[in-house]
Structures are given as structure tokens and as C-alpha cells.
Amino acid sequence: RGIMRAPIPAGFERPPPLGTYDGQTVPDEHIHNINVILDFRMVSGAIRCRLFPTTLRKEAMAWYQSLAPQSVSSWNVTTIFYN
């Protein structure tokens, strides 16, 4: 899909620390923190989607792994977290 084809921006081969999320709390703060850091660097939604799973741990990673392959098509799909 388009997300996996999005080119990594120059100088972004090593992304900034984004914190981790384990699924024990409401994800709003974690998503907000990701957005603040990546907005500052003007990172596209596709790259955010690629980075997001690298921040997940424990139950949050189990949730992510339960999603159907290629079911996330944009950064706005983070609302799936609330279902």
C-alpha cells in the first residue's frame, strides 16, 4: 500500500524517541506526544503510520498485531484505537 511505499525523509533514518505505549491507559496522550514531535519535523501521515507500531508494547502491540494486514490506510485511522 501507499504507506509502505512512502519514502523516508532525508535525515530521518534514525527517528526521534517517541516514547512507548503499553495499552494500560487511554492512548490520547501517547498519540498527542507523537503528533507534537512529528509535527515539529513536518513528518507525513504515512511515515507516522510506519513509526507508530515501533512505540507499542505489551497489550498495545497485541492489539496492533490483531489488525488485518494493510487495514490501516492513513494516520487518521488511529481512531480504531477507541473501538
PDB file of N, CA and C in Angstrom:
ATOM      1  N   ARG A   1       0.822  -1.185   0.000  1.00  0.00           N
ATOM      2  CA  ARG A   1       0.000   0.000   0.000  1.00  0.00           C
ATOM      3  C   ARG A   1       0.867   1.250   0.000  1.00  0.00           C
ATOM      4  N   GLY A   2       0.214   2.411  -0.085  1.00  0.00           N
ATOM      5  CA  GLY A   2       0.925   3.673  -0.128  1.00  0.00           C
ATOM      6  C   GLY A   2       1.753   3.963   1.102  1.00  0.00           C
ATOM      7  N   ILE A   3       1.285   3.511   2.253  1.00  0.00           N
ATOM      8  CA  ILE A   3       2.018   3.773   3.494  1.00  0.00           C
ATOM      9  C   ILE A   3       3.404   3.152   3.435  1.00  0.00           C
ATOM     10  N   MET A   4       3.490   1.927   3.006  1.00  0.00           N
ATOM     11  CA  MET A   4       4.781   1.245   2.971  1.00  0.00           C
ATOM     12  C   MET A   4       5.667   1.761   1.844  1.00  0.00           C
ATOM     13  N   ARG A   5       5.078   2.431   0.864  1.00  0.00           N
ATOM     14  CA  ARG A   5       5.866   2.980  -0.247  1.00  0.00           C
ATOM     15  C   ARG A   5       6.353   4.402   0.020  1.00  0.00           C
ATOM     16  N   ALA A   6       5.847   5.010   1.072  1.00  0.00           N
ATOM     17  CA  ALA A   6       6.234   6.396   1.373  1.00  0.00           C
ATOM     18  C   ALA A   6       7.729   6.458   1.663  1.00  0.00           C
ATOM     19  N   PRO A   7       8.438   7.352   0.989  1.00  0.00           N
ATOM     20  CA  PRO A   7       9.885   7.446   1.216  1.00  0.00           C
ATOM     21  C   PRO A   7      10.205   8.025   2.593  1.00  0.00           C
ATOM     22  N   ILE A   8      11.229   7.484   3.206  1.00  0.00           N
ATOM     23  CA  ILE A   8      11.710   8.007   4.483  1.00  0.00           C
ATOM     24  C   ILE A   8      12.380   9.358   4.197  1.00  0.00           C
ATOM     25  N   PRO A   9      11.980  10.412   4.896  1.00  0.00           N
ATOM     26  CA  PRO A   9      12.581  11.723   4.648  1.00  0.00           C
ATOM     27  C   PRO A   9      14.090  11.717   4.918  1.00  0.00           C
ATOM     28  N   ALA A  10      14.815  12.506   4.149  1.00  0.00           N
ATOM     29  CA  ALA A  10      16.262  12.629   4.353  1.00  0.00           C
ATOM     30  C   ALA A  10      16.534  13.081   5.780  1.00  0.00           C
ATOM     31  N   GLY A  11      17.523  12.480   6.389  1.00  0.00           N
ATOM     32  CA  GLY A  11      17.880  12.808   7.755  1.00  0.00           C
ATOM     33  C   GLY A  11      16.990  12.163   8.799  1.00  0.00           C
ATOM     34  N   PHE A  12      16.070  11.317   8.354  1.00  0.00           N
ATOM     35  CA  PHE A  12      15.120  10.699   9.279  1.00  0.00           C
ATOM     36  C   PHE A  12      15.342   9.194   9.395  1.00  0.00           C
ATOM     37  N   GLU A  13      16.508   8.738   8.975  1.00  0.00           N
ATOM     38  CA  GLU A  13      16.811   7.311   9.054  1.00  0.00           C
ATOM     39  C   GLU A  13      16.789   6.829  10.505  1.00  0.00           C
ATOM     40  N   ARG A  14      17.113   7.737  11.418  1.00  0.00           N
ATOM     41  CA  ARG A  14      17.029   7.448  12.861  1.00  0.00           C
ATOM     42  C   ARG A  14      15.979   8.392  13.439  1.00  0.00           C
ATOM     43  N   PRO A  15      14.740   7.914  13.567  1.00  0.00           N
ATOM     44  CA  PRO A  15      13.682   8.798  14.058  1.00  0.00           C
ATOM     45  C   PRO A  15      13.904   9.213  15.510  1.00  0.00           C
ATOM     46  N   PRO A  16      13.262  10.297  15.906  1.00  0.00           N
ATOM     47  CA  PRO A  16      13.412  10.759  17.291  1.00  0.00           C
ATOM     48  C   PRO A  16      12.722   9.800  18.254  1.00  0.00           C
ATOM     49  N   PRO A  17      13.104   9.823  19.517  1.00  0.00           N
ATOM     50  CA  PRO A  17      12.404   8.998  20.509  1.00  0.00           C
ATOM     51  C   PRO A  17      10.944   9.450  20.609  1.00  0.00           C
ATOM     52  N   LEU A  18      10.034   8.502  20.509  1.00  0.00           N
ATOM     53  CA  LEU A  18       8.611   8.826  20.543  1.00  0.00           C
ATOM     54  C   LEU A  18       7.914   8.310  21.792  1.00  0.00           C
ATOM     55  N   GLY A  19       8.651   7.704  22.691  1.00  0.00           N
ATOM     56  CA  GLY A  19       8.025   7.118  23.864  1.00  0.00           C
ATOM     57  C   GLY A  19       7.377   5.796  23.509  1.00  0.00           C
ATOM     58  N   THR A  20       6.854   5.121  24.508  1.00  0.00           N
ATOM     59  CA  THR A  20       6.194   3.838  24.277  1.00  0.00           C
ATOM     60  C   THR A  20       4.810   3.853  24.904  1.00  0.00           C
ATOM     61  N   TYR A  21       3.973   2.947  24.416  1.00  0.00           N
ATOM     62  CA  TYR A  21       2.611   2.809  24.920  1.00  0.00           C
ATOM     63  C   TYR A  21       2.325   1.333  25.109  1.00  0.00           C
ATOM     64  N   ASP A  22       1.841   0.972  26.319  1.00  0.00           N
ATOM     65  CA  ASP A  22       1.616  -0.446  26.617  1.00  0.00           C
ATOM     66  C   ASP A  22       0.149  -0.850  26.673  1.00  0.00           C
ATOM     67  N   GLY A  23      -0.759   0.080  26.424  1.00  0.00           N
ATOM     68  CA  GLY A  23      -2.175  -0.244  26.399  1.00  0.00           C
ATOM     69  C   GLY A  23      -2.865  -0.152  27.748  1.00  0.00           C
ATOM     70  N   GLN A  24      -2.167   0.252  28.784  1.00  0.00           N
ATOM     71  CA  GLN A  24      -2.749   0.295  30.129  1.00  0.00           C
ATOM     72  C   GLN A  24      -3.543   1.568  30.412  1.00  0.00           C
ATOM     73  N   THR A  25      -3.371   2.580  29.597  1.00  0.00           N
ATOM     74  CA  THR A  25      -4.067   3.849  29.801  1.00  0.00           C
ATOM     75  C   THR A  25      -4.735   4.265  28.498  1.00  0.00           C
ATOM     76  N   VAL A  26      -5.487   5.351  28.545  1.00  0.00           N
ATOM     77  CA  VAL A  26      -6.101   5.896  27.336  1.00  0.00           C
ATOM     78  C   VAL A  26      -4.976   6.377  26.424  1.00  0.00           C
ATOM     79  N   PRO A  27      -5.025   6.054  25.140  1.00  0.00           N
ATOM     80  CA  PRO A  27      -3.902   6.375  24.241  1.00  0.00           C
ATOM     81  C   PRO A  27      -3.787   7.835  23.824  1.00  0.00           C
ATOM     82  N   ASP A  28      -4.724   8.677  24.232  1.00  0.00           N
ATOM     83  CA  ASP A  28      -4.715  10.078  23.780  1.00  0.00           C
ATOM     84  C   ASP A  28      -3.378  10.774  23.997  1.00  0.00           C
ATOM     85  N   GLU A  29      -2.823  10.645  25.186  1.00  0.00           N
ATOM     86  CA  GLU A  29      -1.574  11.345  25.495  1.00  0.00           C
ATOM     87  C   GLU A  29      -0.428  10.839  24.622  1.00  0.00           C
ATOM     88  N   HIS A  30      -0.363   9.535  24.416  1.00  0.00           N
ATOM     89  CA  HIS A  30       0.702   8.969  23.580  1.00  0.00           C
ATOM     90  C   HIS A  30       0.584   9.479  22.144  1.00  0.00           C
ATOM     91  N   ILE A  31      -0.616   9.452  21.597  1.00  0.00           N
ATOM     92  CA  ILE A  31      -0.823   9.925  20.226  1.00  0.00           C
ATOM     93  C   ILE A  31      -0.523  11.422  20.137  1.00  0.00           C
ATOM     94  N   HIS A  32      -0.937  12.179  21.140  1.00  0.00           N
ATOM     95  CA  HIS A  32      -0.642  13.623  21.157  1.00  0.00           C
ATOM     96  C   HIS A  32       0.869  13.862  21.152  1.00  0.00           C
ATOM     97  N   ASN A  33       1.599  13.127  21.980  1.00  0.00           N
ATOM     98  CA  ASN A  33       3.058  13.287  22.032  1.00  0.00           C
ATOM     99  C   ASN A  33       3.702  12.965  20.690  1.00  0.00           C
ATOM    100  N   ILE A  34       3.251  11.893  20.056  1.00  0.00           N
ATOM    101  CA  ILE A  34       3.771  11.546  18.728  1.00  0.00           C
ATOM    102  C   ILE A  34       3.509  12.699  17.762  1.00  0.00           C
ATOM    103  N   ASN A  35       2.282  13.215  17.775  1.00  0.00           N
ATOM    104  CA  ASN A  35       1.939  14.304  16.858  1.00  0.00           C
ATOM    105  C   ASN A  35       2.778  15.553  17.106  1.00  0.00           C
ATOM    106  N   VAL A  36       2.992  15.912  18.350  1.00  0.00           N
ATOM    107  CA  VAL A  36       3.796  17.104  18.658  1.00  0.00           C
ATOM    108  C   VAL A  36       5.209  16.949  18.100  1.00  0.00           C
ATOM    109  N   ILE A  37       5.828  15.815  18.366  1.00  0.00           N
ATOM    110  CA  ILE A  37       7.205  15.584  17.910  1.00  0.00           C
ATOM    111  C   ILE A  37       7.278  15.553  16.389  1.00  0.00           C
ATOM    112  N   LEU A  38       6.341  14.852  15.756  1.00  0.00           N
ATOM    113  CA  LEU A  38       6.414  14.693  14.305  1.00  0.00           C
ATOM    114  C   LEU A  38       5.867  15.903  13.557  1.00  0.00           C
ATOM    115  N   ASP A  39       4.951  16.662  14.164  1.00  0.00           N
ATOM    116  CA  ASP A  39       4.519  17.931  13.551  1.00  0.00           C
ATOM    117  C   ASP A  39       5.707  18.881  13.447  1.00  0.00           C
ATOM    118  N   PHE A  40       6.505  18.946  14.507  1.00  0.00           N
ATOM    119  CA  PHE A  40       7.679  19.818  14.519  1.00  0.00           C
ATOM    120  C   PHE A  40       8.619  19.484  13.363  1.00  0.00           C
ATOM    121  N   ARG A  41       8.710  18.215  13.037  1.00  0.00           N
ATOM    122  CA  ARG A  41       9.602  17.782  11.950  1.00  0.00           C
ATOM    123  C   ARG A  41       8.886  17.675  10.611  1.00  0.00           C
ATOM    124  N   MET A  42       7.623  18.059  10.565  1.00  0.00           N
ATOM    125  CA  MET A  42       6.801  18.033   9.352  1.00  0.00           C
ATOM    126  C   MET A  42       6.784  16.651   8.699  1.00  0.00           C
ATOM    127  N   VAL A  43       6.528  15.632   9.498  1.00  0.00           N
ATOM    128  CA  VAL A  43       6.501  14.249   9.028  1.00  0.00           C
ATOM    129  C   VAL A  43       5.103  13.912   8.528  1.00  0.00           C
ATOM    130  N   SER A  44       5.023  13.245   7.384  1.00  0.00           N
ATOM    131  CA  SER A  44       3.741  12.904   6.774  1.00  0.00           C
ATOM    132  C   SER A  44       2.998  11.833   7.570  1.00  0.00           C
ATOM    133  N   GLY A  45       1.703  11.741   7.295  1.00  0.00           N
ATOM    134  CA  GLY A  45       0.876  10.728   7.939  1.00  0.00           C
ATOM    135  C   GLY A  45       1.342   9.317   7.635  1.00  0.00           C
ATOM    136  N   ALA A  46       1.803   9.075   6.419  1.00  0.00           N
ATOM    137  CA  ALA A  46       2.268   7.730   6.058  1.00  0.00           C
ATOM    138  C   ALA A  46       3.466   7.319   6.907  1.00  0.00           C
ATOM    139  N   ILE A  47       4.386   8.225   7.129  1.00  0.00           N
ATOM    140  CA  ILE A  47       5.560   7.910   7.956  1.00  0.00           C
ATOM    141  C   ILE A  47       5.134   7.736   9.410  1.00  0.00           C
ATOM    142  N   ARG A  48       4.168   8.511   9.867  1.00  0.00           N
ATOM    143  CA  ARG A  48       3.645   8.327  11.226  1.00  0.00           C
ATOM    144  C   ARG A  48       3.076   6.915  11.386  1.00  0.00           C
ATOM    145  N   CYS A  49       2.359   6.462  10.380  1.00  0.00           N
ATOM    146  CA  CYS A  49       1.799   5.107  10.426  1.00  0.00           C
ATOM    147  C   CYS A  49       2.899   4.060  10.500  1.00  0.00           C
ATOM    148  N   ARG A  50       3.975   4.290   9.805  1.00  0.00           N
ATOM    149  CA  ARG A  50       5.092   3.336   9.833  1.00  0.00           C
ATOM    150  C   ARG A  50       5.821   3.360  11.165  1.00  0.00           C
ATOM    151  N   LEU A  51       5.909   4.524  11.795  1.00  0.00           N
ATOM    152  CA  LEU A  51       6.605   4.647  13.075  1.00  0.00           C
ATOM    153  C   LEU A  51       5.760   4.170  14.254  1.00  0.00           C
ATOM    154  N   PHE A  52       4.461   4.355  14.179  1.00  0.00           N
ATOM    155  CA  PHE A  52       3.576   4.088  15.303  1.00  0.00           C
ATOM    156  C   PHE A  52       3.766   2.705  15.932  1.00  0.00           C
ATOM    157  N   PRO A  53       3.796   1.616  15.165  1.00  0.00           N
ATOM    158  CA  PRO A  53       3.941   0.305  15.809  1.00  0.00           C
ATOM    159  C   PRO A  53       5.259   0.137  16.560  1.00  0.00           C
ATOM    160  N   THR A  54       6.263   0.928  16.217  1.00  0.00           N
ATOM    161  CA  THR A  54       7.541   0.805  16.930  1.00  0.00           C
ATOM    162  C   THR A  54       7.442   1.334  18.353  1.00  0.00           C
ATOM    163  N   THR A  55       6.349   2.033  18.666  1.00  0.00           N
ATOM    164  CA  THR A  55       6.171   2.594  20.004  1.00  0.00           C
ATOM    165  C   THR A  55       5.323   1.706  20.903  1.00  0.00           C
ATOM    166  N   LEU A  56       4.770   0.637  20.357  1.00  0.00           N
ATOM    167  CA  LEU A  56       3.823  -0.183  21.111  1.00  0.00           C
ATOM    168  C   LEU A  56       4.504  -1.303  21.875  1.00  0.00           C
ATOM    169  N   ARG A  57       3.968  -1.602  23.036  1.00  0.00           N
ATOM    170  CA  ARG A  57       4.458  -2.676  23.896  1.00  0.00           C
ATOM    171  C   ARG A  57       3.265  -3.437  24.463  1.00  0.00           C
ATOM    172  N   LYS A  58       3.489  -4.630  24.924  1.00  0.00           N
ATOM    173  CA  LYS A  58       2.526  -5.462  25.652  1.00  0.00           C
ATOM    174  C   LYS A  58       1.155  -5.499  24.976  1.00  0.00           C
ATOM    175  N   GLU A  59       0.084  -5.136  25.716  1.00  0.00           N
ATOM    176  CA  GLU A  59      -1.275  -5.232  25.176  1.00  0.00           C
ATOM    177  C   GLU A  59      -1.470  -4.384  23.925  1.00  0.00           C
ATOM    178  N   ALA A  60      -0.812  -3.238  23.878  1.00  0.00           N
ATOM    179  CA  ALA A  60      -0.946  -2.377  22.703  1.00  0.00           C
ATOM    180  C   ALA A  60      -0.371  -3.063  21.464  1.00  0.00           C
ATOM    181  N   MET A  61       0.745  -3.756  21.606  1.00  0.00           N
ATOM    182  CA  MET A  61       1.319  -4.484  20.473  1.00  0.00           C
ATOM    183  C   MET A  61       0.426  -5.661  20.096  1.00  0.00           C
ATOM    184  N   ALA A  62      -0.149  -6.329  21.082  1.00  0.00           N
ATOM    185  CA  ALA A  62      -1.072  -7.436  20.793  1.00  0.00           C
ATOM    186  C   ALA A  62      -2.275  -6.919  20.008  1.00  0.00           C
ATOM    187  N   TRP A  63      -2.791  -5.758  20.397  1.00  0.00           N
ATOM    188  CA  TRP A  63      -3.899  -5.147  19.662  1.00  0.00           C
ATOM    189  C   TRP A  63      -3.481  -4.874  18.217  1.00  0.00           C
ATOM    190  N   TYR A  64      -2.321  -4.268  18.044  1.00  0.00           N
ATOM    191  CA  TYR A  64      -1.847  -3.926  16.704  1.00  0.00           C
ATOM    192  C   TYR A  64      -1.690  -5.180  15.847  1.00  0.00           C
ATOM    193  N   GLN A  65      -1.134  -6.216  16.412  1.00  0.00           N
ATOM    194  CA  GLN A  65      -0.915  -7.451  15.666  1.00  0.00           C
ATOM    195  C   GLN A  65      -2.223  -8.153  15.320  1.00  0.00           C
ATOM    196  N   SER A  66      -3.311  -7.818  16.014  1.00  0.00           N
ATOM    197  CA  SER A  66      -4.604  -8.430  15.712  1.00  0.00           C
ATOM    198  C   SER A  66      -5.312  -7.752  14.543  1.00  0.00           C
ATOM    199  N   LEU A  67      -4.817  -6.594  14.113  1.00  0.00           N
ATOM    200  CA  LEU A  67      -5.425  -5.897  12.980  1.00  0.00           C
ATOM    201  C   LEU A  67      -5.190  -6.679  11.693  1.00  0.00           C
ATOM    202  N   ALA A  68      -6.155  -6.600  10.799  1.00  0.00           N
ATOM    203  CA  ALA A  68      -5.997  -7.246   9.494  1.00  0.00           C
ATOM    204  C   ALA A  68      -4.841  -6.580   8.745  1.00  0.00           C
ATOM    205  N   PRO A  69      -4.058  -7.363   8.000  1.00  0.00           N
ATOM    206  CA  PRO A  69      -2.954  -6.780   7.226  1.00  0.00           C
ATOM    207  C   PRO A  69      -3.457  -5.660   6.312  1.00  0.00           C
ATOM    208  N   GLN A  70      -2.712  -4.603   6.239  1.00  0.00           N
ATOM    209  CA  GLN A  70      -2.990  -3.433   5.403  1.00  0.00           C
ATOM    210  C   GLN A  70      -4.328  -2.773   5.722  1.00  0.00           C
ATOM    211  N   SER A  71      -4.825  -2.939   6.949  1.00  0.00           N
ATOM    212  CA  SER A  71      -6.109  -2.330   7.316  1.00  0.00           C
ATOM    213  C   SER A  71      -5.962  -0.865   7.715  1.00  0.00           C
ATOM    214  N   VAL A  72      -4.752  -0.420   7.979  1.00  0.00           N
ATOM    215  CA  VAL A  72      -4.518   0.986   8.306  1.00  0.00           C
ATOM    216  C   VAL A  72      -4.091   1.690   7.025  1.00  0.00           C
ATOM    217  N   SER A  73      -4.905   2.665   6.605  1.00  0.00           N
ATOM    218  CA  SER A  73      -4.608   3.331   5.336  1.00  0.00           C
ATOM    219  C   SER A  73      -4.242   4.804   5.501  1.00  0.00           C
ATOM    220  N   SER A  74      -4.372   5.327   6.723  1.00  0.00           N
ATOM    221  CA  SER A  74      -3.972   6.713   6.964  1.00  0.00           C
ATOM    222  C   SER A  74      -3.759   6.921   8.456  1.00  0.00           C
ATOM    223  N   TRP A  75      -3.082   7.998   8.812  1.00  0.00           N
ATOM    224  CA  TRP A  75      -2.839   8.306  10.219  1.00  0.00           C
ATOM    225  C   TRP A  75      -4.157   8.566  10.944  1.00  0.00           C
ATOM    226  N   ASN A  76      -5.186   9.012  10.255  1.00  0.00           N
ATOM    227  CA  ASN A  76      -6.489   9.256  10.875  1.00  0.00           C
ATOM    228  C   ASN A  76      -7.144   7.981  11.385  1.00  0.00           C
ATOM    229  N   VAL A  77      -6.673   6.858  10.956  1.00  0.00           N
ATOM    230  CA  VAL A  77      -7.239   5.580  11.382  1.00  0.00           C
ATOM    231  C   VAL A  77      -6.871   5.270  12.832  1.00  0.00           C
ATOM    232  N   THR A  78      -6.100   6.131  13.472  1.00  0.00           N
ATOM    233  CA  THR A  78      -5.796   5.896  14.885  1.00  0.00           C
ATOM    234  C   THR A  78      -7.066   5.875  15.717  1.00  0.00           C
ATOM    235  N   THR A  79      -8.177   6.350  15.158  1.00  0.00           N
ATOM    236  CA  THR A  79      -9.447   6.265  15.881  1.00  0.00           C
ATOM    237  C   THR A  79      -9.856   4.814  16.098  1.00  0.00           C
ATOM    238  N   ILE A  80      -9.275   3.888  15.367  1.00  0.00           N
ATOM    239  CA  ILE A  80      -9.556   2.473  15.580  1.00  0.00           C
ATOM    240  C   ILE A  80      -9.164   2.064  16.996  1.00  0.00           C
ATOM    241  N   PHE A  81      -8.261   2.796  17.602  1.00  0.00           N
ATOM    242  CA  PHE A  81      -7.841   2.538  18.978  1.00  0.00           C
ATOM    243  C   PHE A  81      -9.031   2.579  19.930  1.00  0.00           C
ATOM    244  N   TYR A  82     -10.020   3.378  19.604  1.00  0.00           N
ATOM    245  CA  TYR A  82     -11.122   3.607  20.533  1.00  0.00           C
ATOM    246  C   TYR A  82     -12.276   2.643  20.341  1.00  0.00           C
ATOM    247  N   ASN A  83     -12.149   1.711  19.437  1.00  0.00           N
ATOM    248  CA  ASN A  83     -13.222   0.728  19.186  1.00  0.00           C
ATOM    249  C   ASN A  83     -12.929  -0.581  19.871  1.00  0.00           C
TER     250      ASN A  83
END
